[in-house]
Structure formats: C-alpha cells, structure tokens
C-alpha cells in the first residue's frame, strides 16, 4: 500500500479496513483518523474505475470505531481514481439521500482534472444533504475538517460577484444533469434563469432533454403495455385452440373406441358365423364322403357309378372351396373356380376369391373392403395378378376371367 500523507492533526492509524475489487483492479482502504473521521483511499498499480460502493466496509469501520449513531467526517483521497461506474453513482447517491446516512461532511483531495467534473456533479447533487468540499491535499482536507468541527464554514461571496454567479449557475446545472443521469429523476422542477441570462440556453436545453426523455419513456411504456396485451391475447387464443384440440381429441378417441368396440363385436359375430359355416360344411362334406363310399360299393354299371362319383367329388371340392373363400358359391361359381385353379395352380386362396369377385362385377373398393385391405393395396394385388396370370399389358383381367367362365 502507498505511503499515507501525514496531517497536522492527531492521527490514529491503529484501525484500518480494506475491501478487494479484483475485477476493477484495486483495493479500497478505510482508516480511522482521530475520533470521528475516516480516510478512504485506493491501492492500485494504475488509474481505476470505482465499480461498487463498499457499504459493508463502511458499516464495519463505523461499528468497530464506536461511531455507530454518530455523524462522521469522510476524507476521500482520489489518487488513481479516473472514473466511476453508473452503478457506483446510483449506490452513492442512494446512500447520501438516505435519512440515516452517517456523514457530517465529505472532503475530496488529489482529484484528477479529467475526473473533476464527476466529483463536482456529485457535490452539486448532495450539497443540501451533506456539505462537500474539494481541496488540493491531505493537510488542506484536515484543515477543512477542523473548520467544520469549529463551525467555520467557507464564506460565500456576494451574490453580484460574477465569479460567484458563475459558480452558482455551474452547481445548479451540474445538480440538474446529475439528478437526471444518476438518479433518473425525469420529473424534477428545473428553475430557469431569466431569458436574458447568459446561461438560460443551457438550462432550457436540459429542461427540453428531460421532457424528451420523459416522453420516450412514456411511449416505451405504452408500447410495452401493447406488447403485453398482444402476448396475453395470443396466449388466450392459443389456450382456446389447445382446449378445442383437446376436446376434439377426446371426441375422436371416443369415436375410435366406439368403432373399435363395434368392429370387435362384428369380428366376434363373424367368427361365430364362420365356425357355424365351417361346422355345417364339415358335416356336409362328411355326409358326401359317406354317400361317395356307398356309391363306390354299389353294384351298378361302371359308367353310371363313375358319373355319380365325379358328381360327389365335385360337390366335396366345392364345399372345401366355399370353406376357404368364406362365400356361398353357386354351381356356376364352383365350375369357374375349378377351371381357374386347374389352369393357374399358382394362385392362392385370396387371389381365387378376388378373381371370383371380379368376375361377379364387384368394384375395387368393394373387393378391398371384403378382404380387409385398402383400395391402393387392392390395386397393387390386381397388378400382380395380371402378371401372375400372364396377361398382356392391354388385356383386361375381367375380360379374361369372363372368357374363362364361358369357355366349354
């Protein structure tokens, strides 16, 4: 830490406190001087920007020094301080404007020229709450503190002194701009000097700026309110759509469950009917087989016997085909299927049924529905059957099947 300048007053340096600001590149020190005075200074290798106010550090120094509840003097050594963050400005102003702020007076020294306006602005803002002085050195700062203690405050010059008028206008101007910038006070009452005053234009410009900023903020608030309303409206509409979709989903689900139950019941009924038909066919086939056995054992003419045997065998085969295709067949249908199966043994049972339905003038949709597939799937099967039967590209499968049925 740098060497601290000595003062002509009795100084106690037995108590000191510090706070490290790594990102900003400095360490802030507070040192007790005398009975009710604190010295603030920074330790840094280069000029720095004050980033945040050290409220906890100040409270610790006040408590440890036994100064709680008392008004204290603060001397600020501004060596190495080149700037302060906006956050530091707001925090400092908030601390000073707090009715319980601990300061009786603040004295700055070693203020760099480029930073002087910032310190003067701070002084102008809080002048009515806490007296602020700016001096050149530590001895001058201690003299100022002694003067405050004894009640010997700096004497004001005559109001008609040009220099005093300039300093007064400067303080007023800095106070207005500081409250506008540091505290965001956009509704402060700005006292304008007379129009013929040389500083009138400056104050009028600040008043206009404050009015424009207030209007911009008002418009932004209106825009934000409109955006909020639009978002709420969009959210309400989306919520309504969502509820409508949920209701539609429930209705579709209920409808599907109803259709599923209907199909399940239909399938169960068809399975029962299929079982009944299969049982009847089996009984008829068994009976035909018994008749066939009896005919075979009859002592009749051989030609007549063979004719009767062929008739029974055709009836048995027809029953088997009916069982496989699950449709009732006429004798004409049975003859057609026998011809088709003999000429195209590579056709499976589903393809035989499709051929029969095509010959019977069922359209593609009806056939697809009867065998439980889509219309597109039915068209694909017909295309494969066309090739499987060996038809030419321009030959109709229906025409071919009709010719086959009428052929002797």
Protein backbone atom coordinates (compact mmCIF):
# COMPACT_ATOMS: atom_id res chain seq x y z
CA UNK A 1 0.00 0.00 0.00
CA UNK A 2 1.27 3.52 -0.78
CA UNK A 3 2.54 5.80 1.99
CA UNK A 4 -0.23 7.88 3.50
CA UNK A 5 0.39 11.62 3.86
CA UNK A 6 0.71 12.92 7.40
CA UNK A 7 -1.65 15.62 8.74
CA UNK A 8 -1.14 18.21 11.37
CA UNK A 9 -3.94 16.72 13.46
CA UNK A 10 -3.59 13.84 15.85
CA UNK A 11 -4.00 10.69 13.71
CA UNK A 12 -4.77 7.19 14.92
CA UNK A 13 -3.98 4.51 12.33
CA UNK A 14 -4.37 1.55 14.66
CA UNK A 15 -7.61 0.55 12.97
CA UNK A 16 -8.00 0.05 9.23
CA UNK A 17 -10.26 -1.93 6.97
CA UNK A 18 -9.99 -2.94 3.33
CA UNK A 19 -12.03 -4.48 0.52
CA UNK A 20 -10.53 -6.03 -2.61
CA UNK A 21 -12.06 -5.36 -6.04
CA UNK A 22 -10.27 -7.91 -8.22
CA UNK A 23 -12.10 -7.26 -11.48
CA UNK A 24 -11.67 -3.50 -11.17
CA UNK A 25 -8.01 -3.91 -10.14
CA UNK A 26 -7.87 -2.10 -6.82
CA UNK A 27 -8.13 -2.43 -3.04
CA UNK A 28 -10.13 0.12 -1.08
CA UNK A 29 -8.88 1.07 2.38
CA UNK A 30 -10.67 2.85 5.21
CA UNK A 31 -8.57 4.23 8.07
CA UNK A 32 -9.74 5.82 11.30
CA UNK A 33 -8.26 9.31 11.80
CA UNK A 34 -8.90 11.00 15.12
CA UNK A 35 -12.21 10.49 16.88
CA UNK A 36 -14.85 10.77 14.17
CA UNK A 37 -13.04 10.88 10.82
CA UNK A 38 -12.40 8.17 8.23
CA UNK A 39 -9.88 8.33 5.41
CA UNK A 40 -10.82 6.48 2.20
CA UNK A 41 -8.19 5.67 -0.42
CA UNK A 42 -7.45 3.07 -3.10
CA UNK A 43 -4.39 0.94 -3.61
CA UNK A 44 -3.74 0.31 -7.30
CA UNK A 45 -0.93 -0.01 -9.82
CA UNK A 46 -2.74 2.24 -12.34
CA UNK A 47 -5.75 4.50 -12.68
CA UNK A 48 -9.00 2.67 -11.94
CA UNK A 49 -12.79 2.96 -12.19
CA UNK A 50 -14.74 2.69 -8.95
CA UNK A 51 -17.17 -0.17 -9.59
CA UNK A 52 -19.31 -0.62 -6.46
CA UNK A 53 -19.69 1.21 -3.17
CA UNK A 54 -18.41 -0.70 -0.13
CA UNK A 55 -21.38 -0.33 2.23
CA UNK A 56 -20.35 -3.35 4.35
CA UNK A 57 -16.82 -1.97 4.66
CA UNK A 58 -18.17 1.42 5.81
CA UNK A 59 -20.56 -0.19 8.32
CA UNK A 60 -17.74 -2.31 9.75
CA UNK A 61 -15.49 0.73 10.16
CA UNK A 62 -18.25 2.75 11.86
CA UNK A 63 -19.13 -0.09 14.26
CA UNK A 64 -15.53 -1.04 15.07
CA UNK A 65 -14.65 2.62 15.72
CA UNK A 66 -17.55 3.02 18.13
CA UNK A 67 -19.12 5.66 15.89
CA UNK A 68 -22.49 3.97 15.38
CA UNK A 69 -25.27 6.56 15.53
CA UNK A 70 -22.83 9.47 15.17
CA UNK A 71 -22.18 11.74 12.22
CA UNK A 72 -18.70 11.24 10.81
CA UNK A 73 -16.36 13.12 8.50
CA UNK A 74 -15.08 11.34 5.39
CA UNK A 75 -11.88 12.33 3.62
CA UNK A 76 -11.52 10.80 0.12
CA UNK A 77 -8.04 10.53 -1.44
CA UNK A 78 -8.90 10.33 -5.16
CA UNK A 79 -5.39 9.45 -6.36
CA UNK A 80 -5.62 6.72 -9.06
CA UNK A 81 -9.41 7.28 -9.42
CA UNK A 82 -10.16 8.13 -13.06
CA UNK A 83 -13.85 7.23 -13.33
CA UNK A 84 -16.82 5.66 -11.57
CA UNK A 85 -19.38 3.18 -12.87
CA UNK A 86 -23.06 4.03 -13.24
CA UNK A 87 -23.79 1.52 -10.51
CA UNK A 88 -21.38 3.33 -8.18
CA UNK A 89 -23.11 6.65 -8.91
CA UNK A 90 -26.55 5.25 -8.12
CA UNK A 91 -25.38 3.47 -4.95
CA UNK A 92 -23.53 6.56 -3.69
CA UNK A 93 -26.48 8.88 -4.31
CA UNK A 94 -28.85 6.40 -2.63
CA UNK A 95 -26.57 6.23 0.42
CA UNK A 96 -26.29 10.00 0.73
CA UNK A 97 -30.02 10.63 0.24
CA UNK A 98 -30.82 8.04 2.92
CA UNK A 99 -32.05 9.97 6.00
CA UNK A 100 -29.82 7.73 8.14
CA UNK A 101 -26.63 8.41 6.17
CA UNK A 102 -23.67 8.68 8.59
CA UNK A 103 -21.85 11.66 7.05
CA UNK A 104 -21.49 15.12 8.53
CA UNK A 105 -19.25 16.31 5.70
CA UNK A 106 -17.15 14.88 2.83
CA UNK A 107 -13.84 16.29 1.62
CA UNK A 108 -12.10 15.19 -1.61
CA UNK A 109 -8.45 15.79 -2.48
CA UNK A 110 -6.00 14.64 -5.17
CA UNK A 111 -8.82 14.87 -7.73
CA UNK A 112 -7.53 14.39 -11.30
CA UNK A 113 -8.54 17.12 -13.78
CA UNK A 114 -10.45 14.70 -16.05
CA UNK A 115 -12.39 13.44 -13.03
CA UNK A 116 -13.11 16.86 -11.52
CA UNK A 117 -16.48 17.34 -13.28
CA UNK A 118 -17.66 13.98 -11.91
CA UNK A 119 -16.76 14.99 -8.34
CA UNK A 120 -18.30 18.44 -8.78
CA UNK A 121 -21.50 16.84 -10.06
CA UNK A 122 -21.60 14.57 -7.01
CA UNK A 123 -21.06 17.58 -4.76
CA UNK A 124 -23.81 19.55 -6.51
CA UNK A 125 -26.32 16.71 -6.19
CA UNK A 126 -25.89 16.14 -2.45
CA UNK A 127 -24.89 19.68 -1.39
CA UNK A 128 -28.15 20.23 0.50
CA UNK A 129 -27.88 16.88 2.34
CA UNK A 130 -24.16 16.71 3.11
CA UNK A 131 -21.61 19.53 2.71
CA UNK A 132 -18.88 18.65 0.20
CA UNK A 133 -15.51 20.33 -0.32
CA UNK A 134 -12.80 19.73 -2.91
CA UNK A 135 -9.24 20.64 -1.86
CA UNK A 136 -5.72 20.02 -3.14
CA UNK A 137 -4.01 17.98 -0.40
CA UNK A 138 -4.38 15.97 2.77
CA UNK A 139 -3.32 18.89 5.03
CA UNK A 140 -5.93 21.08 3.34
CA UNK A 141 -8.52 18.34 3.87
CA UNK A 142 -7.69 18.15 7.60
CA UNK A 143 -7.93 21.95 7.86
CA UNK A 144 -11.37 21.79 6.25
CA UNK A 145 -12.48 19.12 8.75
CA UNK A 146 -11.22 21.27 11.63
CA UNK A 147 -13.17 24.20 10.21
CA UNK A 148 -16.35 22.09 10.03
CA UNK A 149 -15.84 20.99 13.64
CA UNK A 150 -15.45 24.58 14.82
CA UNK A 151 -18.38 25.80 12.74
CA UNK A 152 -16.20 27.94 10.49
CA UNK A 153 -17.81 27.02 7.15
CA UNK A 154 -16.49 28.52 3.86
CA UNK A 155 -17.75 32.08 3.36
CA UNK A 156 -19.96 32.74 0.35
CA UNK A 157 -19.14 35.72 -1.89
CA UNK A 158 -21.58 38.48 -2.72
CA UNK A 159 -24.43 37.47 -4.98
CA UNK A 160 -23.49 40.14 -7.55
CA UNK A 161 -19.93 38.83 -7.86
CA UNK A 162 -19.60 37.47 -11.46
CA UNK A 163 -17.42 34.63 -10.33
CA UNK A 164 -19.89 33.69 -7.62
CA UNK A 165 -22.77 33.87 -10.13
CA UNK A 166 -20.84 31.55 -12.46
CA UNK A 167 -20.10 29.05 -9.67
CA UNK A 168 -23.73 29.11 -8.53
CA UNK A 169 -25.06 28.53 -12.06
CA UNK A 170 -22.47 25.78 -12.56
CA UNK A 171 -23.59 23.98 -9.39
CA UNK A 172 -27.25 24.29 -10.38
CA UNK A 173 -26.51 22.97 -13.87
CA UNK A 174 -24.44 20.04 -12.59
CA UNK A 175 -27.10 19.22 -9.96
CA UNK A 176 -29.85 19.11 -12.60
CA UNK A 177 -27.83 16.95 -15.03
CA UNK A 178 -26.63 14.72 -12.17
CA UNK A 179 -30.13 14.04 -10.87
CA UNK A 180 -31.24 13.39 -14.43
CA UNK A 181 -28.38 10.98 -15.18
CA UNK A 182 -27.51 9.41 -11.84
CA UNK A 183 -30.96 9.20 -10.25
CA UNK A 184 -33.16 9.08 -13.38
CA UNK A 185 -35.24 11.95 -11.99
CA UNK A 186 -37.27 12.90 -15.06
CA UNK A 187 -39.86 15.00 -13.22
CA UNK A 188 -37.62 17.39 -11.29
CA UNK A 189 -38.51 21.04 -11.25
CA UNK A 190 -35.83 22.90 -13.18
CA UNK A 191 -35.59 26.56 -12.22
CA UNK A 192 -34.82 28.53 -15.35
CA UNK A 193 -32.84 31.75 -15.13
CA UNK A 194 -34.28 34.81 -16.89
CA UNK A 195 -34.26 34.56 -20.70
CA UNK A 196 -31.63 37.26 -20.91
CA UNK A 197 -29.32 35.33 -18.58
CA UNK A 198 -26.26 34.00 -20.48
CA UNK A 199 -26.87 30.54 -19.00
CA UNK A 200 -30.57 30.40 -19.92
CA UNK A 201 -29.97 28.29 -23.06
CA UNK A 202 -28.11 25.62 -21.10
CA UNK A 203 -30.88 25.17 -18.55
CA UNK A 204 -33.58 25.31 -21.23
CA UNK A 205 -31.76 22.59 -23.19
CA UNK A 206 -31.68 20.39 -20.07
CA UNK A 207 -35.39 21.02 -19.49
CA UNK A 208 -36.13 20.01 -23.10
CA UNK A 209 -33.94 16.93 -22.72
CA UNK A 210 -35.78 15.93 -19.55
CA UNK A 211 -39.13 16.40 -21.32
CA UNK A 212 -37.99 14.34 -24.32
CA UNK A 213 -36.69 11.54 -22.10
CA UNK A 214 -39.95 11.50 -20.16
CA UNK A 215 -41.93 11.31 -23.40
CA UNK A 216 -39.71 8.49 -24.72
CA UNK A 217 -40.20 6.51 -21.52
CA UNK A 218 -43.97 7.15 -21.67
CA UNK A 219 -44.08 5.86 -25.24
CA UNK A 220 -41.96 2.85 -24.36
CA UNK A 221 -44.34 2.05 -21.50
CA UNK A 222 -47.30 2.31 -23.90
CA UNK A 223 -45.51 0.02 -26.38
CA UNK A 224 -44.68 -2.43 -23.60
CA UNK A 225 -48.30 -2.41 -22.45
CA UNK A 226 -49.43 -3.05 -26.03
CA UNK A 227 -46.91 -5.87 -26.39
CA UNK A 228 -48.14 -7.29 -23.10
CA UNK A 229 -51.76 -7.10 -24.28
CA UNK A 230 -50.85 -8.70 -27.62
CA UNK A 231 -49.00 -11.50 -25.86
CA UNK A 232 -51.89 -12.07 -23.47
CA UNK A 233 -54.33 -12.11 -26.40
CA UNK A 234 -52.14 -14.56 -28.33
CA UNK A 235 -51.80 -16.71 -25.22
CA UNK A 236 -55.58 -16.69 -24.71
CA UNK A 237 -56.16 -17.66 -28.35
CA UNK A 238 -53.59 -20.45 -28.15
CA UNK A 239 -55.15 -21.67 -24.90
CA UNK A 240 -58.58 -21.74 -26.54
CA UNK A 241 -57.14 -23.63 -29.53
CA UNK A 242 -55.44 -26.06 -27.21
CA UNK A 243 -58.65 -26.71 -25.29
CA UNK A 244 -60.52 -27.14 -28.59
CA UNK A 245 -57.90 -29.61 -29.80
CA UNK A 246 -58.10 -31.49 -26.51
CA UNK A 247 -61.90 -31.66 -26.83
CA UNK A 248 -61.59 -32.82 -30.46
CA UNK A 249 -59.06 -35.43 -29.39
CA UNK A 250 -61.46 -36.68 -26.72
CA UNK A 251 -64.26 -36.89 -29.26
CA UNK A 252 -62.07 -38.72 -31.77
CA UNK A 253 -60.84 -41.06 -29.07
CA UNK A 254 -64.41 -41.79 -28.01
CA UNK A 255 -65.43 -42.34 -31.64
CA UNK A 256 -62.48 -44.66 -32.27
CA UNK A 257 -63.21 -46.61 -29.11
CA UNK A 258 -66.83 -46.89 -30.21
CA UNK A 259 -65.80 -48.08 -33.70
CA UNK A 260 -63.29 -50.46 -32.15
CA UNK A 261 -66.00 -51.95 -29.93
CA UNK A 262 -68.31 -52.25 -32.94
CA UNK A 263 -65.62 -53.94 -35.04
CA UNK A 264 -64.70 -56.25 -32.17
CA UNK A 265 -68.34 -57.24 -31.83
CA UNK A 266 -68.62 -57.69 -35.59
CA UNK A 267 -65.49 -59.83 -35.73
CA UNK A 268 -66.77 -61.98 -32.87
CA UNK A 269 -70.10 -62.39 -34.69
CA UNK A 270 -68.37 -63.27 -37.95
CA UNK A 271 -66.11 -65.73 -36.17
CA UNK A 272 -69.18 -67.41 -34.70
CA UNK A 273 -70.82 -67.46 -38.14
CA UNK A 274 -67.61 -68.82 -39.67
CA UNK A 275 -67.49 -71.53 -37.03
CA UNK A 276 -71.10 -72.40 -37.78
CA UNK A 277 -70.49 -72.49 -41.54
CA UNK A 278 -67.30 -74.49 -41.11
CA UNK A 279 -69.16 -76.98 -38.93
CA UNK A 280 -72.00 -77.23 -41.46
CA UNK A 281 -69.54 -77.66 -44.34
CA UNK A 282 -67.68 -80.32 -42.39
CA UNK A 283 -70.94 -82.15 -41.75
CA UNK A 284 -71.99 -81.85 -45.41
CA UNK A 285 -68.55 -82.99 -46.54
CA UNK A 286 -68.69 -85.94 -44.18
CA UNK A 287 -72.15 -86.84 -45.45
CA UNK A 288 -70.99 -86.55 -49.08
CA UNK A 289 -68.00 -88.73 -48.28
CA UNK A 290 -70.30 -91.35 -46.79
CA UNK A 291 -72.52 -91.19 -49.92
CA UNK A 292 -69.40 -91.49 -52.04
CA UNK A 293 -68.35 -94.63 -50.13
CA UNK A 294 -71.83 -96.11 -50.56
CA UNK A 295 -71.80 -95.37 -54.31
CA UNK A 296 -68.41 -96.97 -54.64
CA UNK A 297 -69.75 -100.17 -53.09
CA UNK A 298 -72.91 -100.29 -55.24
CA UNK A 299 -73.22 -102.97 -57.86
CA UNK A 300 -74.24 -100.79 -60.77
CA UNK A 301 -72.94 -100.02 -64.21
CA UNK A 302 -69.41 -98.70 -64.11
CA UNK A 303 -70.12 -95.64 -66.26
CA UNK A 304 -73.05 -94.62 -64.12
CA UNK A 305 -71.03 -95.23 -60.96
CA UNK A 306 -68.12 -93.06 -62.19
CA UNK A 307 -70.52 -90.24 -63.10
CA UNK A 308 -72.04 -90.35 -59.62
CA UNK A 309 -68.56 -90.47 -58.03
CA UNK A 310 -67.40 -87.40 -60.05
CA UNK A 311 -70.52 -85.51 -59.03
CA UNK A 312 -69.88 -86.24 -55.35
CA UNK A 313 -66.19 -85.33 -55.62
CA UNK A 314 -67.11 -82.01 -57.29
CA UNK A 315 -69.60 -81.30 -54.52
CA UNK A 316 -66.94 -82.09 -51.87
CA UNK A 317 -64.37 -79.86 -53.62
CA UNK A 318 -66.94 -77.07 -53.93
CA UNK A 319 -67.64 -77.30 -50.20
CA UNK A 320 -63.90 -77.07 -49.48
CA UNK A 321 -63.54 -74.02 -51.70
CA UNK A 322 -66.54 -72.38 -50.02
CA UNK A 323 -64.90 -73.02 -46.67
CA UNK A 324 -61.62 -71.47 -47.79
CA UNK A 325 -63.21 -68.45 -49.53
CA UNK A 326 -65.90 -67.93 -46.90
CA UNK A 327 -68.59 -67.20 -49.52
CA UNK A 328 -71.61 -69.08 -50.74
CA UNK A 329 -70.99 -70.49 -54.23
CA UNK A 330 -73.40 -71.36 -56.97
CA UNK A 331 -72.69 -74.31 -59.21
CA UNK A 332 -71.54 -71.87 -61.90
CA UNK A 333 -69.14 -70.24 -59.43
CA UNK A 334 -67.82 -73.65 -58.42
CA UNK A 335 -67.20 -74.64 -62.03
CA UNK A 336 -65.42 -71.31 -62.66
CA UNK A 337 -63.12 -71.73 -59.65
CA UNK A 338 -62.30 -75.32 -60.61
CA UNK A 339 -61.33 -74.17 -64.09
CA UNK A 340 -59.30 -71.26 -62.75
CA UNK A 341 -57.48 -73.37 -60.16
CA UNK A 342 -56.61 -76.05 -62.71
CA UNK A 343 -55.35 -73.51 -65.29
CA UNK A 344 -53.50 -71.32 -62.78
CA UNK A 345 -52.45 -73.50 -59.82
CA UNK A 346 -50.06 -70.74 -58.68
CA UNK A 347 -52.97 -68.56 -57.47
CA UNK A 348 -53.55 -68.61 -53.70
CA UNK A 349 -56.92 -68.70 -51.98
CA UNK A 350 -57.19 -64.90 -51.63
CA UNK A 351 -56.37 -64.40 -55.30
CA UNK A 352 -59.01 -67.04 -56.28
CA UNK A 353 -61.60 -65.17 -54.23
CA UNK A 354 -60.61 -61.87 -55.84
CA UNK A 355 -60.91 -63.41 -59.32
CA UNK A 356 -64.40 -64.66 -58.50
CA UNK A 357 -65.47 -61.25 -57.16
CA UNK A 358 -64.04 -59.52 -60.24
CA UNK A 359 -66.00 -61.90 -62.48
CA UNK A 360 -69.13 -61.14 -60.44
CA UNK A 361 -68.71 -57.39 -61.25
CA UNK A 362 -67.65 -56.21 -57.75
CA UNK A 363 -65.66 -52.97 -57.98
CA UNK A 364 -62.21 -52.46 -56.48
CA UNK A 365 -63.46 -50.67 -53.33
CA UNK A 366 -65.99 -53.40 -52.56
CA UNK A 367 -63.42 -56.16 -53.05
CA UNK A 368 -60.87 -54.31 -50.87
CA UNK A 369 -63.45 -53.89 -48.11
CA UNK A 370 -64.48 -57.55 -48.26
CA UNK A 371 -60.92 -58.82 -47.79
CA UNK A 372 -59.91 -56.13 -45.30
CA UNK A 373 -57.32 -54.09 -47.23
CA UNK A 374 -57.06 -50.56 -48.66
CA UNK A 375 -58.10 -49.64 -52.19
CA UNK A 376 -54.47 -48.88 -53.09
CA UNK A 377 -53.47 -52.29 -51.72
CA UNK A 378 -56.20 -53.92 -53.83
CA UNK A 379 -54.91 -52.17 -56.96
CA UNK A 380 -51.41 -53.50 -56.25
CA UNK A 381 -52.77 -57.07 -55.89
CA UNK A 382 -54.65 -56.81 -59.19
CA UNK A 383 -51.47 -55.61 -60.90
CA UNK A 384 -49.51 -58.59 -59.55
CA UNK A 385 -52.33 -61.00 -60.50
CA UNK A 386 -52.32 -59.56 -64.03
CA UNK A 387 -48.67 -60.55 -64.35
CA UNK A 388 -49.16 -63.84 -62.46
CA UNK A 389 -51.90 -64.99 -64.85
CA UNK A 390 -49.69 -63.95 -67.77
CA UNK A 391 -51.94 -61.38 -69.43
CA UNK A 392 -50.76 -58.86 -71.99
CA UNK A 393 -50.38 -55.23 -71.00
CA UNK A 394 -53.58 -54.15 -72.74
CA UNK A 395 -55.61 -57.27 -71.82
CA UNK A 396 -58.33 -56.84 -69.19
CA UNK A 397 -58.28 -59.26 -66.26
CA UNK A 398 -62.06 -59.06 -66.01
CA UNK A 399 -62.46 -59.85 -69.72
CA UNK A 400 -60.09 -62.79 -69.38
CA UNK A 401 -61.98 -64.23 -66.40
CA UNK A 402 -65.33 -63.81 -68.20
CA UNK A 403 -64.00 -65.68 -71.25
CA UNK A 404 -62.64 -68.42 -68.98
CA UNK A 405 -66.01 -68.84 -67.28
CA UNK A 406 -67.91 -69.19 -70.59
CA UNK A 407 -65.35 -71.46 -72.22
CA UNK A 408 -66.53 -75.05 -72.64
